[in-house]
């Protein structure tokens, strides 16, 4: 019965019509309900603790503090690229707090690519394709920016820093 329920839940997410239909487990043991972010822009980022782009956590935190009235950042730790996020959820949480003082929202570790891709990233990948961005998640720290109505408006590759003009101009 549990397997059937899980399969039905995953199928529902795969057919999601809006980001606001998603609820995911948070790194703090909470539930992240994207419906609560209606009216704000959302920046979704796949993160990793042992990556050359890991220092972007610092800029993500600064972006969070600067734009918190109109922007929500949700980090999704993932171990899809080079084994650069090997830690448990607890280890990731401690790493982010200790090294970067992360206070923005973090989800539990997920897969952002491949056969076991999380339904949210499957949805974001499909939305990116509508913008002409094929296979958007090429490495850690890919950034998906959604507008106040939940529509994907931009995808930024890993090399685009969170505080770059390229990104902040869209806020």
C-alpha atoms as a PDB file:
ATOM      1  CA  UNK A   1       0.000   0.000   0.000  1.00  0.00           C
ATOM      2  CA  UNK A   2       2.863   2.393   0.866  1.00  0.00           C
ATOM      3  CA  UNK A   3       4.496   1.741  -2.519  1.00  0.00           C
ATOM      4  CA  UNK A   4       1.250   2.486  -4.359  1.00  0.00           C
ATOM      5  CA  UNK A   5       0.738   5.698  -2.386  1.00  0.00           C
ATOM      6  CA  UNK A   6       4.313   6.806  -3.133  1.00  0.00           C
ATOM      7  CA  UNK A   7       3.870   6.038  -6.846  1.00  0.00           C
ATOM      8  CA  UNK A   8       0.615   8.037  -6.932  1.00  0.00           C
ATOM      9  CA  UNK A   9       2.265  10.986  -5.150  1.00  0.00           C
ATOM     10  CA  UNK A  10       5.206  10.969  -7.562  1.00  0.00           C
ATOM     11  CA  UNK A  11       2.840  10.775 -10.540  1.00  0.00           C
ATOM     12  CA  UNK A  12       0.870  13.748  -9.215  1.00  0.00           C
ATOM     13  CA  UNK A  13       4.063  15.781  -8.834  1.00  0.00           C
ATOM     14  CA  UNK A  14       5.216  14.803 -12.321  1.00  0.00           C
ATOM     15  CA  UNK A  15       2.013  16.317 -13.710  1.00  0.00           C
ATOM     16  CA  UNK A  16       2.115  19.411 -11.497  1.00  0.00           C
ATOM     17  CA  UNK A  17       0.799  22.520 -13.190  1.00  0.00           C
ATOM     18  CA  UNK A  18       2.392  24.929 -10.741  1.00  0.00           C
ATOM     19  CA  UNK A  19       5.317  25.262  -8.360  1.00  0.00           C
ATOM     20  CA  UNK A  20       2.704  25.939  -5.677  1.00  0.00           C
ATOM     21  CA  UNK A  21       1.603  22.295  -5.751  1.00  0.00           C
ATOM     22  CA  UNK A  22       4.910  21.109  -4.290  1.00  0.00           C
ATOM     23  CA  UNK A  23       5.611  20.290  -0.654  1.00  0.00           C
ATOM     24  CA  UNK A  24       9.033  18.928   0.268  1.00  0.00           C
ATOM     25  CA  UNK A  25      10.794  17.961   3.501  1.00  0.00           C
ATOM     26  CA  UNK A  26      12.991  20.714   4.894  1.00  0.00           C
ATOM     27  CA  UNK A  27      16.481  20.291   6.285  1.00  0.00           C
ATOM     28  CA  UNK A  28      15.194  21.507   9.669  1.00  0.00           C
ATOM     29  CA  UNK A  29      12.636  18.669   9.829  1.00  0.00           C
ATOM     30  CA  UNK A  30       9.863  20.984   8.671  1.00  0.00           C
ATOM     31  CA  UNK A  31       7.740  20.849   5.529  1.00  0.00           C
ATOM     32  CA  UNK A  32       8.387  23.389   2.787  1.00  0.00           C
ATOM     33  CA  UNK A  33       5.072  24.237   1.134  1.00  0.00           C
ATOM     34  CA  UNK A  34       5.708  26.303  -1.982  1.00  0.00           C
ATOM     35  CA  UNK A  35       2.126  27.624  -1.868  1.00  0.00           C
ATOM     36  CA  UNK A  36       3.198  29.839   1.054  1.00  0.00           C
ATOM     37  CA  UNK A  37       5.506  31.743  -1.305  1.00  0.00           C
ATOM     38  CA  UNK A  38       2.785  33.140  -3.571  1.00  0.00           C
ATOM     39  CA  UNK A  39       3.461  36.814  -4.197  1.00  0.00           C
ATOM     40  CA  UNK A  40       7.253  36.474  -3.830  1.00  0.00           C
ATOM     41  CA  UNK A  41       9.934  35.519  -6.274  1.00  0.00           C
ATOM     42  CA  UNK A  42      11.522  32.120  -5.614  1.00  0.00           C
ATOM     43  CA  UNK A  43      15.131  31.164  -6.311  1.00  0.00           C
ATOM     44  CA  UNK A  44      15.689  27.404  -6.263  1.00  0.00           C
ATOM     45  CA  UNK A  45      19.321  26.262  -6.185  1.00  0.00           C
ATOM     46  CA  UNK A  46      20.857  22.793  -6.198  1.00  0.00           C
ATOM     47  CA  UNK A  47      23.736  22.940  -3.722  1.00  0.00           C
ATOM     48  CA  UNK A  48      26.755  20.877  -2.659  1.00  0.00           C
ATOM     49  CA  UNK A  49      29.236  21.188   0.200  1.00  0.00           C
ATOM     50  CA  UNK A  50      32.408  20.028  -1.564  1.00  0.00           C
ATOM     51  CA  UNK A  51      32.204  21.893  -4.870  1.00  0.00           C
ATOM     52  CA  UNK A  52      34.240  24.715  -6.351  1.00  0.00           C
ATOM     53  CA  UNK A  53      31.000  26.744  -6.312  1.00  0.00           C
ATOM     54  CA  UNK A  54      30.278  26.028  -2.627  1.00  0.00           C
ATOM     55  CA  UNK A  55      31.373  29.577  -1.615  1.00  0.00           C
ATOM     56  CA  UNK A  56      28.199  30.746  -3.391  1.00  0.00           C
ATOM     57  CA  UNK A  57      26.428  29.853  -0.129  1.00  0.00           C
ATOM     58  CA  UNK A  58      27.838  33.146   1.204  1.00  0.00           C
ATOM     59  CA  UNK A  59      26.313  35.176  -1.638  1.00  0.00           C
ATOM     60  CA  UNK A  60      23.035  33.257  -1.428  1.00  0.00           C
ATOM     61  CA  UNK A  61      22.831  34.215   2.254  1.00  0.00           C
ATOM     62  CA  UNK A  62      23.617  37.871   1.418  1.00  0.00           C
ATOM     63  CA  UNK A  63      20.968  37.815  -1.322  1.00  0.00           C
ATOM     64  CA  UNK A  64      18.493  36.334   1.148  1.00  0.00           C
ATOM     65  CA  UNK A  65      19.140  39.083   3.688  1.00  0.00           C
ATOM     66  CA  UNK A  66      19.029  41.891   1.113  1.00  0.00           C
ATOM     67  CA  UNK A  67      15.849  40.818  -0.703  1.00  0.00           C
ATOM     68  CA  UNK A  68      13.988  38.791   1.959  1.00  0.00           C
ATOM     69  CA  UNK A  69      10.851  40.928   1.625  1.00  0.00           C
ATOM     70  CA  UNK A  70      10.359  39.908  -2.002  1.00  0.00           C
ATOM     71  CA  UNK A  71      12.526  36.815  -2.586  1.00  0.00           C
ATOM     72  CA  UNK A  72      12.582  33.329  -1.097  1.00  0.00           C
ATOM     73  CA  UNK A  73      15.663  31.162  -1.615  1.00  0.00           C
ATOM     74  CA  UNK A  74      15.357  27.397  -1.326  1.00  0.00           C
ATOM     75  CA  UNK A  75      18.528  25.310  -1.466  1.00  0.00           C
ATOM     76  CA  UNK A  76      18.380  21.662  -2.452  1.00  0.00           C
ATOM     77  CA  UNK A  77      21.512  19.686  -1.535  1.00  0.00           C
ATOM     78  CA  UNK A  78      22.260  17.068  -4.188  1.00  0.00           C
ATOM     79  CA  UNK A  79      24.992  14.494  -4.708  1.00  0.00           C
ATOM     80  CA  UNK A  80      24.582  14.149  -8.485  1.00  0.00           C
ATOM     81  CA  UNK A  81      27.900  15.623  -9.568  1.00  0.00           C
ATOM     82  CA  UNK A  82      31.232  14.119  -8.582  1.00  0.00           C
ATOM     83  CA  UNK A  83      30.000  12.953  -5.176  1.00  0.00           C
ATOM     84  CA  UNK A  84      30.285  16.549  -3.936  1.00  0.00           C
ATOM     85  CA  UNK A  85      27.450  16.283  -1.409  1.00  0.00           C
ATOM     86  CA  UNK A  86      28.158  13.004   0.395  1.00  0.00           C
ATOM     87  CA  UNK A  87      26.885  14.104   3.812  1.00  0.00           C
ATOM     88  CA  UNK A  88      23.677  13.268   5.627  1.00  0.00           C
ATOM     89  CA  UNK A  89      20.982  15.904   6.029  1.00  0.00           C
ATOM     90  CA  UNK A  90      22.256  16.589   9.547  1.00  0.00           C
ATOM     91  CA  UNK A  91      25.848  16.987   8.341  1.00  0.00           C
ATOM     92  CA  UNK A  92      24.735  19.309   5.522  1.00  0.00           C
ATOM     93  CA  UNK A  93      22.724  21.449   7.935  1.00  0.00           C
ATOM     94  CA  UNK A  94      25.687  21.756  10.328  1.00  0.00           C
ATOM     95  CA  UNK A  95      28.092  22.534   7.460  1.00  0.00           C
ATOM     96  CA  UNK A  96      25.867  25.310   6.084  1.00  0.00           C
ATOM     97  CA  UNK A  97      25.359  26.944   9.492  1.00  0.00           C
ATOM     98  CA  UNK A  98      28.974  26.608  10.647  1.00  0.00           C
ATOM     99  CA  UNK A  99      30.703  27.719   7.438  1.00  0.00           C
ATOM    100  CA  UNK A 100      28.260  30.152   5.851  1.00  0.00           C
ATOM    101  CA  UNK A 101      25.698  31.087   8.511  1.00  0.00           C
ATOM    102  CA  UNK A 102      22.903  29.920   6.217  1.00  0.00           C
ATOM    103  CA  UNK A 103      19.461  31.064   7.342  1.00  0.00           C
ATOM    104  CA  UNK A 104      17.645  30.786   4.014  1.00  0.00           C
ATOM    105  CA  UNK A 105      15.395  27.764   3.495  1.00  0.00           C
ATOM    106  CA  UNK A 106      17.105  24.460   2.803  1.00  0.00           C
ATOM    107  CA  UNK A 107      15.365  21.253   1.727  1.00  0.00           C
ATOM    108  CA  UNK A 108      16.500  17.715   2.418  1.00  0.00           C
ATOM    109  CA  UNK A 109      19.006  16.181   0.010  1.00  0.00           C
ATOM    110  CA  UNK A 110      17.470  15.148  -3.328  1.00  0.00           C
ATOM    111  CA  UNK A 111      18.492  13.987  -6.780  1.00  0.00           C
ATOM    112  CA  UNK A 112      18.343  16.797  -9.354  1.00  0.00           C
ATOM    113  CA  UNK A 113      19.132  14.766 -12.464  1.00  0.00           C
ATOM    114  CA  UNK A 114      18.900  11.232 -13.816  1.00  0.00           C
ATOM    115  CA  UNK A 115      16.439   8.407 -13.380  1.00  0.00           C
ATOM    116  CA  UNK A 116      15.835   9.238  -9.706  1.00  0.00           C
ATOM    117  CA  UNK A 117      15.305  12.972 -10.312  1.00  0.00           C
ATOM    118  CA  UNK A 118      13.093  14.585  -7.689  1.00  0.00           C
ATOM    119  CA  UNK A 119       9.652  15.541  -9.066  1.00  0.00           C
ATOM    120  CA  UNK A 120      10.296  19.243  -8.354  1.00  0.00           C
ATOM    121  CA  UNK A 121      13.425  19.217 -10.523  1.00  0.00           C
ATOM    122  CA  UNK A 122      11.603  17.225 -13.190  1.00  0.00           C
ATOM    123  CA  UNK A 123       9.002  20.015 -13.198  1.00  0.00           C
ATOM    124  CA  UNK A 124      11.661  22.772 -13.291  1.00  0.00           C
ATOM    125  CA  UNK A 125      13.501  21.013 -16.129  1.00  0.00           C
ATOM    126  CA  UNK A 126      10.260  20.844 -18.150  1.00  0.00           C
ATOM    127  CA  UNK A 127       9.549  24.527 -17.448  1.00  0.00           C
ATOM    128  CA  UNK A 128      13.110  25.447 -18.473  1.00  0.00           C
ATOM    129  CA  UNK A 129      12.591  23.629 -21.786  1.00  0.00           C
ATOM    130  CA  UNK A 130       9.616  25.943 -22.445  1.00  0.00           C
ATOM    131  CA  UNK A 131      12.080  28.845 -22.130  1.00  0.00           C
ATOM    132  CA  UNK A 132      14.418  27.149 -24.595  1.00  0.00           C
ATOM    133  CA  UNK A 133      16.839  25.905 -21.925  1.00  0.00           C
ATOM    134  CA  UNK A 134      17.418  22.202 -22.523  1.00  0.00           C
ATOM    135  CA  UNK A 135      19.024  20.055 -19.811  1.00  0.00           C
ATOM    136  CA  UNK A 136      19.453  23.017 -17.427  1.00  0.00           C
ATOM    137  CA  UNK A 137      21.077  21.209 -14.489  1.00  0.00           C
ATOM    138  CA  UNK A 138      24.612  20.630 -15.686  1.00  0.00           C
ATOM    139  CA  UNK A 139      26.352  21.025 -12.307  1.00  0.00           C
ATOM    140  CA  UNK A 140      25.878  22.168  -8.716  1.00  0.00           C
ATOM    141  CA  UNK A 141      24.524  25.658  -8.023  1.00  0.00           C
ATOM    142  CA  UNK A 142      22.198  25.920 -11.014  1.00  0.00           C
ATOM    143  CA  UNK A 143      19.639  28.602 -10.170  1.00  0.00           C
ATOM    144  CA  UNK A 144      15.954  28.650 -11.186  1.00  0.00           C
ATOM    145  CA  UNK A 145      14.169  31.994 -10.720  1.00  0.00           C
ATOM    146  CA  UNK A 146      10.393  32.061 -10.567  1.00  0.00           C
ATOM    147  CA  UNK A 147       8.276  35.208 -10.540  1.00  0.00           C
ATOM    148  CA  UNK A 148       5.634  36.256  -7.992  1.00  0.00           C
ATOM    149  CA  UNK A 149       3.034  34.094  -9.755  1.00  0.00           C
ATOM    150  CA  UNK A 150       5.215  30.981  -9.726  1.00  0.00           C
ATOM    151  CA  UNK A 151       6.251  31.128 -13.383  1.00  0.00           C
ATOM    152  CA  UNK A 152       9.845  30.234 -14.254  1.00  0.00           C
ATOM    153  CA  UNK A 153      11.447  33.346 -15.730  1.00  0.00           C
ATOM    154  CA  UNK A 154      15.165  32.491 -15.820  1.00  0.00           C
ATOM    155  CA  UNK A 155      17.720  29.737 -15.349  1.00  0.00           C
ATOM    156  CA  UNK A 156      21.251  30.665 -14.344  1.00  0.00           C
ATOM    157  CA  UNK A 157      24.150  28.227 -14.690  1.00  0.00           C
ATOM    158  CA  UNK A 158      26.575  27.511 -11.858  1.00  0.00           C
ATOM    159  CA  UNK A 159      29.060  30.200 -12.900  1.00  0.00           C
ATOM    160  CA  UNK A 160      26.503  33.010 -12.417  1.00  0.00           C
ATOM    161  CA  UNK A 161      27.016  34.285  -8.894  1.00  0.00           C
ATOM    162  CA  UNK A 162      23.950  35.016  -6.740  1.00  0.00           C
ATOM    163  CA  UNK A 163      24.815  38.717  -6.358  1.00  0.00           C
ATOM    164  CA  UNK A 164      25.675  39.202 -10.035  1.00  0.00           C
ATOM    165  CA  UNK A 165      23.901  41.947 -11.945  1.00  0.00           C
ATOM    166  CA  UNK A 166      22.672  39.283 -14.358  1.00  0.00           C
ATOM    167  CA  UNK A 167      20.639  37.714 -11.568  1.00  0.00           C
ATOM    168  CA  UNK A 168      19.763  40.718  -9.371  1.00  0.00           C
ATOM    169  CA  UNK A 169      18.451  42.692 -12.369  1.00  0.00           C
ATOM    170  CA  UNK A 170      15.579  40.191 -12.500  1.00  0.00           C
ATOM    171  CA  UNK A 171      14.607  40.759  -8.880  1.00  0.00           C
END
